[in-house]
Amino acid sequence: MSRTAPVAPPREAAPPQDEEARLRELGYQPVLARRMGGFGNFAISFSVISVLSGCMTLYGFGMGAGGPAVMIWGWIGVGAFVLCVALALAEVTSAYPTSGALYYMADRLGGRRWGWYTGWLNLLGLLGAIAGIDYGAALFTGAFLKLQWNITPTPGTTFVIFLVILLLHAVLNLFGVRLVSVLNSISVWWHLAGVAVIVGALGLVPDRHQSPGFVFTEFVNETGWANPFYVAAIGLLLAQYTFSGYDASAHLSEETSNASVSAAKGIVRAVWASWLAGFLLLAGLTFAIQDYAGTAGSETGVPPAQIFLDALGADGALALLLVVIVAQLFCGNAEVAAASRMVFAFSRDNALPGSALWRKVSSRTQTPVPAVWLSVVVAAVLALPSLYSATAYGAVTAINVIGITPAYAIPIYLRLRAGDRFVPGPWSLGRWSRPIGWIAVVWVAVVTVLFCLPQRSPVTVDSMNYAVIALAVVLVLASVWWYVARRSYGTPSAYGSAREQAEIAEGIV
């Protein structure tokens, strides 16, 4: 393994470079509108991570898979490891600021087949994230309807709400990246203010709170598994699922000013800001639990809604649920933007069936319209099992984790393997690149195995973790399609940029 050449330490300021020229150097003709600033780029990853989505929707899962101790300490530990992944990924993003992001990095550092499988994993994770986020928003909307009008949520009504939310996000994304950027900027302040309001209300209003000993040491196991270490390990899903999607900054880099620096900073800042906000939120919720068993089995379908109801009454609960639902809507909208750019970029390199359609860009909004629609339709299909299985939502979130998390590690591993051949961009880790990179790779390998494991015992048709099946199906399909599309697939360096640029120009409608 060759040693990495010394490079400059991370810079907080770097002179802006001509990003359009840099994109052409990487082989692509600019066709997307570069209308997003540095804050907007950070905002999209922060919005996708969304502690008011991930932490809230999987809080009930965490209550039974280790309870307060695993939720709190798992959040702290997972956050530290994810920050290492984010730092290492940001360094590679600075060198390759394209919409293809992870698969393009893997292709350039490891070759076409590395890029191919990284792209398919990344795509699975992004589409699973849309399904998980928007279905979570539908669950919370159902809880709101239960409290406001006593409408009991069913799998059918929840799925209809989910489809309406998907349609809303598709329409919003069709207006162009400027609206997406504005919404994400609002989302940042909404999330920060929302966490402050929720934690403040739960801390000040209730007469009774749980003790610190309960919050930081209480272990609860309702999984059916006897081994506490196994239970604690699968309980990390709450934190790891929440800490995903920060590659959105990389996917929007072709629409970001000074992307070689701004996208890298956006990734790192989104993770550490979410780490702090999520800890405060989880601690605030757990201290405010009035009846643990009643909260876990809430008739609303979402335990945080029961915490709000018990601690603040019906009016307070409705107000805080609205705060959470709006935050989840921001989150899902940002994820549709990120996933559609991945679909666009992967199709630009002829990796998907029907690539000529999915890479088309609107001449009016400079938005990949067909890619937006494909993203929401596939997300709807991924969530279909929720109509038949109560455990399907956990499987959808695990699909997100085991799809997207390995895709983070592959370009990091290839960057480490490349050694001196890797040319850093304006933002780099310097001498910390190798140790942080190896920590990131090992952590991803561990969590990928963890979230392929069964979450409930006994393992039945209803309780099985279908995420591993989804992963296997995608890998098989990717392998089969490789032999069909391998002659046409490739980044510009692999098959010459002239023909590709002509095809892209024909795709602008």
Protein backbone atom coordinates (compact mmCIF):
# COMPACT_ATOMS: atom_id res chain seq x y z
CA MET A 1 0.00 0.00 0.00
CA SER A 2 1.69 3.20 -1.10
CA ARG A 3 1.82 6.14 1.23
CA THR A 4 -0.19 9.27 0.66
CA ALA A 5 1.83 12.30 -0.31
CA PRO A 6 1.67 15.10 2.27
CA VAL A 7 -0.93 17.68 1.42
CA ALA A 8 -2.12 20.89 2.95
CA PRO A 9 -4.33 20.74 6.06
CA PRO A 10 -8.05 21.43 5.71
CA ARG A 11 -8.68 24.99 4.61
CA GLU A 12 -11.45 27.16 5.86
CA ALA A 13 -11.02 29.48 2.91
CA ALA A 14 -10.03 28.63 -0.64
CA PRO A 15 -10.02 30.83 -3.69
CA PRO A 16 -13.02 30.03 -5.87
CA GLN A 17 -12.11 28.15 -9.03
CA ASP A 18 -13.93 27.97 -12.33
CA GLU A 19 -16.22 25.06 -11.50
CA GLU A 20 -17.62 24.85 -15.03
CA ALA A 21 -14.09 24.47 -16.37
CA ARG A 22 -13.35 21.88 -13.71
CA LEU A 23 -16.48 19.94 -14.70
CA ARG A 24 -15.32 19.92 -18.31
CA GLU A 25 -11.93 18.64 -17.14
CA LEU A 26 -13.77 15.76 -15.49
CA GLY A 27 -15.46 15.04 -18.83
CA TYR A 28 -18.90 16.60 -18.55
CA GLN A 29 -20.58 19.47 -20.35
CA PRO A 30 -22.43 21.64 -17.79
CA VAL A 31 -26.21 21.39 -18.31
CA LEU A 32 -27.57 22.00 -14.80
CA ALA A 33 -28.07 25.48 -13.35
CA ARG A 34 -25.35 26.46 -10.84
CA ARG A 35 -27.63 28.51 -8.57
CA MET A 36 -26.89 27.05 -5.14
CA GLY A 37 -24.53 28.69 -2.65
CA GLY A 38 -22.45 27.14 0.11
CA PHE A 39 -25.18 27.46 2.74
CA GLY A 40 -27.72 25.91 0.40
CA ASN A 41 -25.39 22.99 -0.23
CA PHE A 42 -24.95 22.41 3.52
CA ALA A 43 -28.69 22.83 3.97
CA ILE A 44 -29.62 20.00 1.61
CA SER A 45 -27.52 17.45 3.52
CA PHE A 46 -28.68 18.78 6.88
CA SER A 47 -32.27 18.55 5.65
CA VAL A 48 -31.81 14.99 4.39
CA ILE A 49 -30.21 13.83 7.65
CA SER A 50 -33.14 15.52 9.45
CA VAL A 51 -33.07 14.55 13.10
CA LEU A 52 -36.78 15.41 13.21
CA SER A 53 -37.35 12.65 10.68
CA GLY A 54 -34.92 9.82 11.47
CA CYS A 55 -34.88 10.14 15.26
CA MET A 56 -38.64 10.54 15.49
CA THR A 57 -39.77 7.84 13.06
CA LEU A 58 -37.46 5.15 14.52
CA TYR A 59 -37.86 6.21 18.15
CA GLY A 60 -40.40 3.42 18.73
CA PHE A 61 -37.99 0.88 17.22
CA GLY A 62 -35.27 2.14 19.56
CA MET A 63 -37.53 1.83 22.61
CA GLY A 64 -37.70 -1.93 22.09
CA ALA A 65 -34.21 -2.54 20.67
CA GLY A 66 -32.12 -1.55 23.66
CA GLY A 67 -34.22 1.29 25.05
CA PRO A 68 -32.88 4.62 26.36
CA ALA A 69 -29.31 3.46 27.01
CA VAL A 70 -28.78 2.25 23.43
CA MET A 71 -30.58 5.23 21.89
CA ILE A 72 -28.49 7.81 23.79
CA TRP A 73 -25.06 6.15 23.84
CA GLY A 74 -25.60 4.66 20.40
CA TRP A 75 -26.26 8.14 19.06
CA ILE A 76 -23.03 9.46 20.56
CA GLY A 77 -20.90 6.56 19.31
CA VAL A 78 -22.43 6.24 15.85
CA GLY A 79 -22.18 10.01 15.38
CA ALA A 80 -18.44 9.93 16.06
CA PHE A 81 -17.85 7.17 13.51
CA VAL A 82 -20.12 8.77 10.93
CA LEU A 83 -18.19 12.03 11.28
CA CYS A 84 -15.08 10.08 10.23
CA VAL A 85 -16.95 8.76 7.19
CA ALA A 86 -18.12 12.28 6.36
CA LEU A 87 -14.62 13.75 6.65
CA ALA A 88 -13.12 11.07 4.41
CA LEU A 89 -15.93 11.36 1.87
CA ALA A 90 -15.67 15.15 1.83
CA GLU A 91 -12.00 14.88 0.83
CA VAL A 92 -12.82 12.73 -2.21
CA THR A 93 -15.80 14.94 -3.08
CA SER A 94 -13.50 17.96 -3.25
CA ALA A 95 -11.46 16.18 -5.90
CA TYR A 96 -14.47 15.00 -7.96
CA PRO A 97 -17.39 17.48 -7.61
CA THR A 98 -19.94 15.88 -9.96
CA SER A 99 -23.62 14.88 -9.69
CA GLY A 100 -22.59 11.25 -10.01
CA ALA A 101 -20.68 11.69 -6.76
CA LEU A 102 -19.88 8.29 -5.20
CA TYR A 103 -19.97 6.12 -8.31
CA TYR A 104 -17.97 8.65 -10.34
CA MET A 105 -15.31 8.76 -7.59
CA ALA A 106 -15.18 4.95 -7.52
CA ASP A 107 -14.95 4.77 -11.29
CA ARG A 108 -12.04 7.20 -11.46
CA LEU A 109 -10.16 5.63 -8.55
CA GLY A 110 -10.90 1.95 -9.11
CA GLY A 111 -12.23 1.41 -12.61
CA ARG A 112 -15.55 0.93 -14.40
CA ARG A 113 -16.82 -2.08 -12.44
CA TRP A 114 -16.15 -0.40 -9.09
CA GLY A 115 -18.11 2.59 -10.32
CA TRP A 116 -20.92 0.42 -11.63
CA TYR A 117 -21.63 -1.41 -8.36
CA THR A 118 -21.11 1.71 -6.25
CA GLY A 119 -23.70 3.49 -8.37
CA TRP A 120 -26.28 0.75 -7.99
CA LEU A 121 -25.76 0.61 -4.21
CA ASN A 122 -25.97 4.39 -3.95
CA LEU A 123 -29.14 4.43 -6.03
CA LEU A 124 -30.76 1.73 -3.88
CA GLY A 125 -29.93 3.69 -0.73
CA LEU A 126 -31.21 7.00 -2.08
CA LEU A 127 -34.50 5.55 -3.30
CA GLY A 128 -34.91 3.64 -0.03
CA ALA A 129 -34.34 6.91 1.80
CA ILE A 130 -37.16 8.64 -0.08
CA ALA A 131 -39.48 5.75 0.84
CA GLY A 132 -38.39 5.76 4.48
CA ILE A 133 -38.60 9.53 4.95
CA ASP A 134 -41.93 10.07 3.24
CA TYR A 135 -43.54 7.00 4.78
CA GLY A 136 -42.38 8.25 8.18
CA ALA A 137 -44.02 11.60 7.41
CA ALA A 138 -47.20 9.71 6.52
CA LEU A 139 -47.11 7.88 9.86
CA PHE A 140 -46.82 11.15 11.76
CA THR A 141 -49.59 12.68 9.64
CA GLY A 142 -51.74 9.71 10.61
CA ALA A 143 -50.97 10.36 14.29
CA PHE A 144 -52.02 13.99 13.81
CA LEU A 145 -55.33 12.90 12.25
CA LYS A 146 -55.89 10.52 15.16
CA LEU A 147 -55.43 13.29 17.73
CA GLN A 148 -57.32 15.97 15.83
CA TRP A 149 -60.27 14.05 14.36
CA ASN A 150 -59.98 10.58 15.94
CA ILE A 151 -59.30 9.02 12.54
CA THR A 152 -57.56 5.73 13.29
CA PRO A 153 -54.66 5.24 10.86
CA THR A 154 -54.63 1.99 8.88
CA PRO A 155 -51.96 0.65 6.50
CA GLY A 156 -54.17 1.68 3.60
CA THR A 157 -54.80 5.26 4.71
CA THR A 158 -51.14 5.67 5.64
CA PHE A 159 -50.08 4.52 2.19
CA VAL A 160 -52.47 6.96 0.50
CA ILE A 161 -51.00 9.81 2.59
CA PHE A 162 -47.54 8.57 1.60
CA LEU A 163 -48.44 8.74 -2.12
CA VAL A 164 -49.76 12.29 -1.73
CA ILE A 165 -46.50 13.34 -0.05
CA LEU A 166 -44.47 11.75 -2.86
CA LEU A 167 -46.52 13.65 -5.43
CA LEU A 168 -45.99 16.92 -3.56
CA HIS A 169 -42.23 16.39 -3.53
CA ALA A 170 -42.14 15.51 -7.21
CA VAL A 171 -44.00 18.70 -8.13
CA LEU A 172 -41.81 20.92 -5.92
CA ASN A 173 -38.66 19.47 -7.49
CA LEU A 174 -39.92 20.21 -10.99
CA PHE A 175 -39.69 23.97 -10.36
CA GLY A 176 -35.89 23.91 -10.36
CA VAL A 177 -32.93 23.92 -8.02
CA ARG A 178 -33.43 27.52 -6.89
CA LEU A 179 -36.71 26.63 -5.16
CA VAL A 180 -35.10 23.49 -3.74
CA SER A 181 -32.26 25.61 -2.35
CA VAL A 182 -34.65 28.14 -0.79
CA LEU A 183 -36.71 25.39 0.82
CA ASN A 184 -33.59 23.72 2.20
CA SER A 185 -32.35 27.00 3.68
CA ILE A 186 -35.70 27.44 5.43
CA SER A 187 -35.47 23.81 6.50
CA VAL A 188 -32.23 24.39 8.43
CA TRP A 189 -33.78 27.05 10.64
CA TRP A 190 -37.02 25.11 10.95
CA HIS A 191 -35.10 22.07 12.21
CA LEU A 192 -32.97 24.03 14.66
CA ALA A 193 -35.93 26.01 15.99
CA GLY A 194 -38.07 22.87 16.04
CA VAL A 195 -35.57 20.95 18.17
CA ALA A 196 -35.27 23.93 20.53
CA VAL A 197 -39.06 24.26 20.88
CA ILE A 198 -39.61 20.51 21.42
CA VAL A 199 -36.79 20.12 23.95
CA GLY A 200 -37.78 23.35 25.71
CA ALA A 201 -41.46 22.41 25.96
CA LEU A 202 -40.73 18.87 27.14
CA GLY A 203 -38.25 20.18 29.67
CA LEU A 204 -40.36 22.98 31.15
CA VAL A 205 -44.02 21.91 30.99
CA PRO A 206 -44.31 18.38 32.50
CA ASP A 207 -44.28 18.10 36.31
CA ARG A 208 -42.52 14.75 36.17
CA HIS A 209 -39.37 13.68 34.30
CA GLN A 210 -37.37 10.49 34.15
CA SER A 211 -34.13 10.35 36.12
CA PRO A 212 -30.69 10.64 34.47
CA GLY A 213 -30.08 7.04 35.51
CA PHE A 214 -33.09 5.92 33.48
CA VAL A 215 -32.19 8.00 30.43
CA PHE A 216 -28.55 6.95 30.25
CA THR A 217 -28.59 3.39 31.64
CA GLU A 218 -32.05 1.80 31.20
CA PHE A 219 -31.86 -1.19 28.85
CA VAL A 220 -35.08 -2.53 27.32
CA ASN A 221 -35.27 -5.62 25.13
CA GLU A 222 -38.50 -6.40 23.31
CA THR A 223 -36.90 -7.93 20.21
CA GLY A 224 -37.22 -11.58 21.27
CA TRP A 225 -33.43 -12.03 21.13
CA ALA A 226 -31.73 -13.00 24.41
CA ASN A 227 -28.23 -11.68 23.77
CA PRO A 228 -28.02 -8.04 24.98
CA PHE A 229 -25.02 -7.28 22.76
CA TYR A 230 -26.93 -8.42 19.68
CA VAL A 231 -29.91 -6.30 20.72
CA ALA A 232 -27.71 -3.25 21.31
CA ALA A 233 -26.07 -3.75 17.92
CA ILE A 234 -29.33 -3.82 15.95
CA GLY A 235 -30.57 -0.90 18.08
CA LEU A 236 -27.90 1.25 16.42
CA LEU A 237 -30.17 1.37 13.35
CA LEU A 238 -31.93 4.44 14.76
CA ALA A 239 -28.73 6.50 14.72
CA GLN A 240 -27.18 5.05 11.57
CA TYR A 241 -30.40 5.48 9.57
CA THR A 242 -30.67 9.11 10.68
CA PHE A 243 -27.01 9.75 9.81
CA SER A 244 -27.42 9.01 6.12
CA GLY A 245 -28.01 11.06 3.03
CA TYR A 246 -25.22 13.57 3.50
CA ASP A 247 -23.92 12.63 0.06
CA ALA A 248 -26.69 14.98 -1.12
CA SER A 249 -24.13 17.80 -0.99
CA ALA A 250 -21.99 15.89 -3.49
CA HIS A 251 -24.94 15.08 -5.78
CA LEU A 252 -25.85 18.78 -5.94
CA SER A 253 -22.25 19.88 -6.58
CA GLU A 254 -22.87 20.59 -10.29
CA GLU A 255 -25.46 23.13 -9.13
CA THR A 256 -23.28 24.69 -6.39
CA SER A 257 -20.90 27.65 -6.63
CA ASN A 258 -17.28 26.85 -5.66
CA ALA A 259 -18.40 23.23 -5.30
CA SER A 260 -14.89 21.82 -4.77
CA VAL A 261 -14.88 23.49 -1.36
CA SER A 262 -18.55 24.14 -0.61
CA ALA A 263 -19.74 20.56 -1.17
CA ALA A 264 -16.98 19.15 1.05
CA LYS A 265 -17.77 21.60 3.83
CA GLY A 266 -21.48 20.96 3.40
CA ILE A 267 -21.05 17.24 4.09
CA VAL A 268 -19.00 17.71 7.27
CA ARG A 269 -21.02 20.58 8.71
CA ALA A 270 -24.30 18.73 8.14
CA VAL A 271 -23.08 15.74 10.15
CA TRP A 272 -21.70 17.55 13.19
CA ALA A 273 -24.66 19.95 13.38
CA SER A 274 -27.06 16.98 13.23
CA TRP A 275 -25.00 15.10 15.83
CA LEU A 276 -25.51 17.87 18.38
CA ALA A 277 -29.16 18.57 17.53
CA GLY A 278 -30.07 14.87 17.56
CA PHE A 279 -28.54 14.28 20.99
CA LEU A 280 -30.58 17.14 22.47
CA LEU A 281 -33.75 15.84 20.81
CA LEU A 282 -33.33 12.21 21.95
CA ALA A 283 -32.47 13.27 25.50
CA GLY A 284 -35.43 15.67 25.63
CA LEU A 285 -37.86 13.00 24.43
CA THR A 286 -36.57 10.32 26.79
CA PHE A 287 -36.57 12.52 29.90
CA ALA A 288 -40.22 13.39 29.16
CA ILE A 289 -41.58 9.82 28.92
CA GLN A 290 -44.44 9.46 31.40
CA ASP A 291 -45.45 5.82 30.78
CA TYR A 292 -42.89 3.68 28.93
CA ALA A 293 -45.19 0.77 28.04
CA GLY A 294 -48.04 3.11 27.09
CA THR A 295 -45.71 5.17 24.90
CA ALA A 296 -44.29 2.12 23.11
CA GLY A 297 -47.80 0.80 22.39
CA SER A 298 -49.37 4.15 21.54
CA GLU A 299 -52.67 4.08 19.64
CA THR A 300 -51.34 6.95 17.52
CA GLY A 301 -48.88 4.55 15.93
CA VAL A 302 -45.85 6.76 16.71
CA PRO A 303 -44.45 6.85 20.28
CA PRO A 304 -43.15 10.47 20.12
CA ALA A 305 -46.74 11.62 19.57
CA GLN A 306 -47.71 9.84 22.80
CA ILE A 307 -44.84 11.55 24.63
CA PHE A 308 -46.15 14.93 23.44
CA LEU A 309 -49.70 14.00 24.43
CA ASP A 310 -48.82 12.77 27.93
CA ALA A 311 -46.45 15.65 28.65
CA LEU A 312 -48.26 18.60 27.04
CA GLY A 313 -51.89 17.63 26.45
CA ALA A 314 -53.76 17.44 23.16
CA ASP A 315 -53.16 21.03 21.97
CA GLY A 316 -49.45 20.94 22.74
CA ALA A 317 -49.09 17.55 21.09
CA LEU A 318 -50.80 18.75 17.92
CA ALA A 319 -48.56 21.81 17.72
CA LEU A 320 -45.36 19.79 18.10
CA LEU A 321 -46.56 17.15 15.65
CA LEU A 322 -47.00 19.89 13.05
CA VAL A 323 -43.44 21.03 13.68
CA VAL A 324 -42.19 17.48 13.11
CA ILE A 325 -44.35 16.82 10.02
CA VAL A 326 -43.21 20.01 8.29
CA ALA A 327 -39.58 19.11 9.03
CA GLN A 328 -40.12 15.65 7.54
CA LEU A 329 -41.65 17.20 4.44
CA PHE A 330 -38.56 19.38 4.03
CA CYS A 331 -36.41 16.28 4.46
CA GLY A 332 -38.23 14.21 1.87
CA ASN A 333 -38.15 17.05 -0.65
CA ALA A 334 -34.38 17.36 -0.28
CA GLU A 335 -33.93 13.60 -0.68
CA VAL A 336 -35.94 13.57 -3.92
CA ALA A 337 -33.60 16.28 -5.23
CA ALA A 338 -30.51 14.24 -4.34
CA ALA A 339 -31.87 10.94 -5.70
CA SER A 340 -33.02 12.50 -8.98
CA ARG A 341 -29.53 13.93 -9.57
CA MET A 342 -28.08 10.49 -9.02
CA VAL A 343 -30.56 9.02 -11.53
CA PHE A 344 -29.65 11.80 -14.00
CA ALA A 345 -25.91 11.30 -13.59
CA PHE A 346 -26.05 7.49 -13.75
CA SER A 347 -28.18 7.72 -16.90
CA ARG A 348 -25.80 10.29 -18.37
CA ASP A 349 -23.22 7.51 -18.26
CA ASN A 350 -25.67 4.96 -19.73
CA ALA A 351 -25.94 2.80 -16.60
CA LEU A 352 -29.73 2.51 -16.30
CA PRO A 353 -32.29 0.83 -18.56
CA GLY A 354 -33.85 3.65 -20.56
CA SER A 355 -30.95 6.02 -19.85
CA ALA A 356 -31.77 8.18 -22.86
CA LEU A 357 -35.04 9.16 -21.15
CA TRP A 358 -33.86 9.55 -17.56
CA ARG A 359 -31.01 11.92 -18.45
CA LYS A 360 -33.24 14.44 -20.21
CA VAL A 361 -33.14 17.95 -18.72
CA SER A 362 -35.81 20.63 -19.01
CA SER A 363 -34.55 23.60 -21.03
CA ARG A 364 -36.83 25.88 -18.97
CA THR A 365 -35.87 24.89 -15.42
CA GLN A 366 -32.64 22.97 -16.15
CA THR A 367 -34.03 20.18 -13.98
CA PRO A 368 -33.88 16.42 -14.82
CA VAL A 369 -37.68 16.01 -14.94
CA PRO A 370 -37.92 12.29 -15.90
CA ALA A 371 -35.37 11.44 -13.19
CA VAL A 372 -37.56 13.13 -10.58
CA TRP A 373 -40.59 11.06 -11.58
CA LEU A 374 -38.62 7.82 -11.68
CA SER A 375 -37.29 8.47 -8.17
CA VAL A 376 -40.71 8.91 -6.57
CA VAL A 377 -42.29 5.98 -8.46
CA VAL A 378 -39.59 3.54 -7.36
CA ALA A 379 -39.84 4.85 -3.78
CA ALA A 380 -43.58 4.09 -3.86
CA VAL A 381 -42.89 0.54 -5.02
CA LEU A 382 -40.30 -0.03 -2.27
CA ALA A 383 -42.87 0.90 0.38
CA LEU A 384 -45.62 -1.42 -0.95
CA PRO A 385 -44.85 -4.20 1.60
CA SER A 386 -45.99 -1.81 4.36
CA LEU A 387 -49.55 -2.64 3.28
CA TYR A 388 -49.06 -6.23 4.42
CA SER A 389 -46.35 -6.26 7.12
CA ALA A 390 -46.07 -4.24 10.32
CA THR A 391 -42.29 -4.63 10.26
CA ALA A 392 -41.90 -3.41 6.68
CA TYR A 393 -40.97 0.13 7.68
CA GLY A 394 -37.93 -1.12 9.60
CA ALA A 395 -36.92 -3.07 6.50
CA VAL A 396 -37.26 0.02 4.30
CA THR A 397 -34.99 2.00 6.62
CA ALA A 398 -32.50 -0.85 6.68
CA ILE A 399 -32.56 -0.88 2.85
CA ASN A 400 -31.48 2.74 2.97
CA VAL A 401 -28.62 1.98 5.38
CA ILE A 402 -27.22 -1.15 3.70
CA GLY A 403 -27.52 0.41 0.27
CA ILE A 404 -26.08 3.83 0.82
CA THR A 405 -23.55 3.18 3.61
CA PRO A 406 -21.32 0.75 1.65
CA ALA A 407 -21.46 3.20 -1.25
CA TYR A 408 -19.86 5.79 1.06
CA ALA A 409 -16.99 3.48 1.95
CA ILE A 410 -16.05 2.27 -1.52
CA PRO A 411 -14.61 5.58 -2.84
CA ILE A 412 -12.91 6.13 0.53
CA TYR A 413 -11.29 2.68 0.35
CA LEU A 414 -10.23 3.24 -3.27
CA ARG A 415 -8.77 6.63 -2.35
CA LEU A 416 -6.69 4.89 0.35
CA ARG A 417 -5.62 2.18 -2.08
CA ALA A 418 -4.65 4.75 -4.70
CA GLY A 419 -2.08 6.35 -2.39
CA ASP A 420 0.01 8.95 -4.23
CA ARG A 421 -2.09 8.56 -7.39
CA PHE A 422 -4.95 10.40 -5.69
CA VAL A 423 -4.75 14.14 -6.36
CA PRO A 424 -6.59 15.99 -3.56
CA GLY A 425 -8.90 18.87 -4.28
CA PRO A 426 -8.82 22.26 -2.51
CA TRP A 427 -10.27 20.67 0.69
CA SER A 428 -8.21 17.83 2.14
CA LEU A 429 -7.44 16.10 5.45
CA GLY A 430 -3.68 16.19 5.07
CA ARG A 431 -1.86 13.72 7.33
CA TRP A 432 -5.16 12.67 8.93
CA SER A 433 -6.47 11.30 5.65
CA ARG A 434 -5.32 7.69 6.11
CA PRO A 435 -6.26 7.08 9.78
CA ILE A 436 -9.67 8.72 9.39
CA GLY A 437 -10.23 6.89 6.11
CA TRP A 438 -9.51 3.45 7.60
CA ILE A 439 -11.75 4.12 10.60
CA ALA A 440 -14.51 5.01 8.15
CA VAL A 441 -14.06 1.87 6.04
CA VAL A 442 -14.03 -0.48 9.03
CA TRP A 443 -17.10 1.16 10.56
CA VAL A 444 -19.08 0.84 7.33
CA ALA A 445 -18.14 -2.85 7.03
CA VAL A 446 -19.44 -3.48 10.56
CA VAL A 447 -22.77 -1.67 10.21
CA THR A 448 -23.46 -3.22 6.80
CA VAL A 449 -23.33 -6.67 8.38
CA LEU A 450 -25.38 -5.55 11.40
CA PHE A 451 -28.30 -4.27 9.38
CA CYS A 452 -28.56 -7.40 7.28
CA LEU A 453 -29.35 -9.35 10.49
CA PRO A 454 -32.91 -10.19 11.67
CA GLN A 455 -34.33 -7.53 13.98
CA ARG A 456 -37.01 -9.68 15.61
CA SER A 457 -37.18 -13.23 16.97
CA PRO A 458 -38.57 -15.65 16.05
CA VAL A 459 -37.85 -14.96 12.40
CA THR A 460 -41.10 -15.33 10.44
CA VAL A 461 -42.48 -14.06 7.15
CA ASP A 462 -43.73 -10.95 8.96
CA SER A 463 -40.63 -10.29 11.07
CA MET A 464 -37.91 -11.10 8.54
CA ASN A 465 -35.46 -8.36 7.59
CA TYR A 466 -36.21 -8.02 3.88
CA ALA A 467 -33.45 -5.47 3.43
CA VAL A 468 -30.93 -8.22 2.74
CA ILE A 469 -33.22 -9.57 -0.01
CA ALA A 470 -33.53 -6.11 -1.55
CA LEU A 471 -29.74 -5.79 -1.47
CA ALA A 472 -29.28 -9.20 -3.09
CA VAL A 473 -31.85 -8.45 -5.81
CA VAL A 474 -30.17 -5.15 -6.68
CA LEU A 475 -26.73 -6.75 -6.83
CA VAL A 476 -28.03 -9.56 -9.05
CA LEU A 477 -29.83 -7.13 -11.36
CA ALA A 478 -26.74 -4.92 -11.49
CA SER A 479 -24.62 -7.94 -12.41
CA VAL A 480 -27.02 -9.06 -15.13
CA TRP A 481 -27.39 -5.56 -16.54
CA TRP A 482 -23.60 -5.15 -16.54
CA TYR A 483 -23.33 -7.74 -19.32
CA VAL A 484 -26.00 -5.90 -21.31
CA ALA A 485 -24.75 -2.34 -20.83
CA ARG A 486 -21.02 -2.71 -20.19
CA ARG A 487 -20.09 -1.58 -23.71
CA SER A 488 -22.07 1.64 -23.47
CA TYR A 489 -21.57 2.43 -19.76
CA GLY A 490 -18.66 4.50 -18.57
CA THR A 491 -17.61 7.90 -17.39
CA PRO A 492 -16.21 10.17 -20.14
CA SER A 493 -12.62 9.09 -19.55
CA ALA A 494 -13.63 5.53 -20.33
CA TYR A 495 -15.23 6.06 -23.71
CA GLY A 496 -14.40 9.57 -24.87
CA SER A 497 -16.26 12.72 -24.01
CA ALA A 498 -17.09 14.02 -27.50
CA ARG A 499 -19.81 11.46 -28.24
CA GLU A 500 -21.18 11.76 -24.71
CA GLN A 501 -21.47 15.53 -24.87
CA ALA A 502 -23.35 15.26 -28.15
CA GLU A 503 -25.80 12.77 -26.60
CA ILE A 504 -26.29 14.97 -23.55
CA ALA A 505 -26.99 17.99 -25.76
CA GLU A 506 -29.68 15.96 -27.54
CA GLY A 507 -31.20 15.16 -24.13
CA ILE A 508 -31.97 18.80 -23.29
CA VAL A 509 -35.67 19.30 -24.01
